[in-house]
Amino acid sequence: MAQALAINPNTVLKAYRELEMEGLAEGRPGVGTFLVRTLAGPSLANQADLREELVVWLRKARAAGLPPEDITALIDTTMRATLDAPPPKDNA
């Protein structure tokens, strides 16, 4: 694959390893590397709308003068704070 696409073989190997570490692919000795699952899950139908909202937010962040590194840091810290927090209790 690397030669056909003129990509450094180490880059291809690293990509395969990352896919394996994420549980998306598995190597089968003597046969090759195969995808075992995808990123698409049951929420795929909602992803288009969420992506559009994210694009709007990213454009606002850039218009506010945030460089890409600050945007990434803001997203990372917000995700950690939100996803690691216990779910809110129902008041019902």
Protein backbone atom coordinates (compact mmCIF):
# COMPACT_ATOMS: atom_id res chain seq x y z
CA MET A 1 0.00 0.00 0.00
CA ALA A 2 2.74 2.46 0.96
CA GLN A 3 4.59 2.11 -2.34
CA ALA A 4 1.45 2.39 -4.45
CA LEU A 5 0.52 5.67 -2.76
CA ALA A 6 4.09 6.96 -2.27
CA ILE A 7 3.63 7.06 1.52
CA ASN A 8 6.39 6.34 3.98
CA PRO A 9 5.95 2.71 5.16
CA ASN A 10 6.43 3.84 8.78
CA THR A 11 3.43 6.15 8.42
CA VAL A 12 1.27 3.26 7.23
CA LEU A 13 2.52 1.03 10.06
CA LYS A 14 1.78 3.75 12.61
CA ALA A 15 -1.74 4.23 11.22
CA TYR A 16 -2.41 0.48 11.43
CA ARG A 17 -1.15 0.39 15.02
CA GLU A 18 -3.38 3.31 16.00
CA LEU A 19 -6.40 1.61 14.45
CA GLU A 20 -5.57 -1.56 16.36
CA MET A 21 -5.12 0.33 19.64
CA GLU A 22 -8.54 1.95 19.16
CA GLY A 23 -10.08 -1.48 18.56
CA LEU A 24 -11.06 -0.61 15.01
CA ALA A 25 -8.74 -3.08 13.28
CA GLU A 26 -6.93 -6.30 14.02
CA GLY A 27 -3.92 -7.91 12.45
CA ARG A 28 -4.18 -11.51 11.32
CA PRO A 29 -0.72 -13.06 10.92
CA GLY A 30 -0.05 -14.15 7.37
CA VAL A 31 -3.33 -12.67 6.12
CA GLY A 32 -3.28 -8.91 6.74
CA THR A 33 -5.02 -6.22 8.76
CA PHE A 34 -8.80 -6.04 8.80
CA LEU A 35 -11.33 -3.54 10.11
CA VAL A 36 -13.42 -5.08 12.87
CA ARG A 37 -15.72 -2.15 13.65
CA THR A 38 -16.42 1.39 12.54
CA LEU A 39 -16.84 4.72 14.24
CA ALA A 40 -20.42 4.95 13.05
CA GLY A 41 -22.84 3.87 15.71
CA PRO A 42 -26.55 4.15 16.32
CA SER A 43 -26.21 7.93 16.63
CA LEU A 44 -25.13 8.28 13.00
CA ALA A 45 -28.45 9.87 12.04
CA ASN A 46 -27.85 12.71 14.53
CA GLN A 47 -24.27 13.35 13.52
CA ALA A 48 -25.02 15.53 10.49
CA ASP A 49 -26.99 18.05 12.57
CA LEU A 50 -24.40 17.99 15.36
CA ARG A 51 -21.60 18.48 12.86
CA GLU A 52 -23.36 21.49 11.34
CA GLU A 53 -23.76 23.03 14.81
CA LEU A 54 -20.10 22.35 15.56
CA VAL A 55 -19.01 23.99 12.30
CA VAL A 56 -21.03 27.10 13.21
CA TRP A 57 -19.41 27.15 16.68
CA LEU A 58 -15.91 26.69 15.23
CA ARG A 59 -16.45 29.59 12.84
CA LYS A 60 -17.59 31.77 15.77
CA ALA A 61 -14.49 30.77 17.74
CA ARG A 62 -12.22 31.70 14.81
CA ALA A 63 -14.09 34.99 14.31
CA ALA A 64 -13.50 35.73 18.00
CA GLY A 65 -9.78 35.46 17.34
CA LEU A 66 -9.05 32.04 18.85
CA PRO A 67 -6.21 30.18 17.14
CA PRO A 68 -6.68 26.46 16.37
CA GLU A 69 -4.59 25.42 19.40
CA ASP A 70 -6.84 27.40 21.78
CA ILE A 71 -9.97 26.00 20.16
CA THR A 72 -8.65 22.46 20.61
CA ALA A 73 -7.72 23.15 24.23
CA LEU A 74 -11.16 24.64 24.94
CA ILE A 75 -12.90 21.64 23.40
CA ASP A 76 -10.67 19.16 25.26
CA THR A 77 -11.12 20.76 28.67
CA THR A 78 -14.86 21.20 28.17
CA MET A 79 -15.24 17.57 27.10
CA ARG A 80 -13.31 16.33 30.12
CA ALA A 81 -15.29 18.51 32.52
CA THR A 82 -18.62 17.55 30.97
CA LEU A 83 -18.13 13.87 30.15
CA ASP A 84 -16.32 13.03 33.40
CA ALA A 85 -18.93 14.73 35.58
CA PRO A 86 -21.71 12.64 37.09
CA PRO A 87 -24.98 12.91 35.18
CA PRO A 88 -27.40 15.54 36.50
CA LYS A 89 -30.10 14.24 38.84
CA ASP A 90 -33.69 14.46 37.69
CA ASN A 91 -35.77 16.91 39.66
CA ALA A 92 -38.93 15.01 38.73
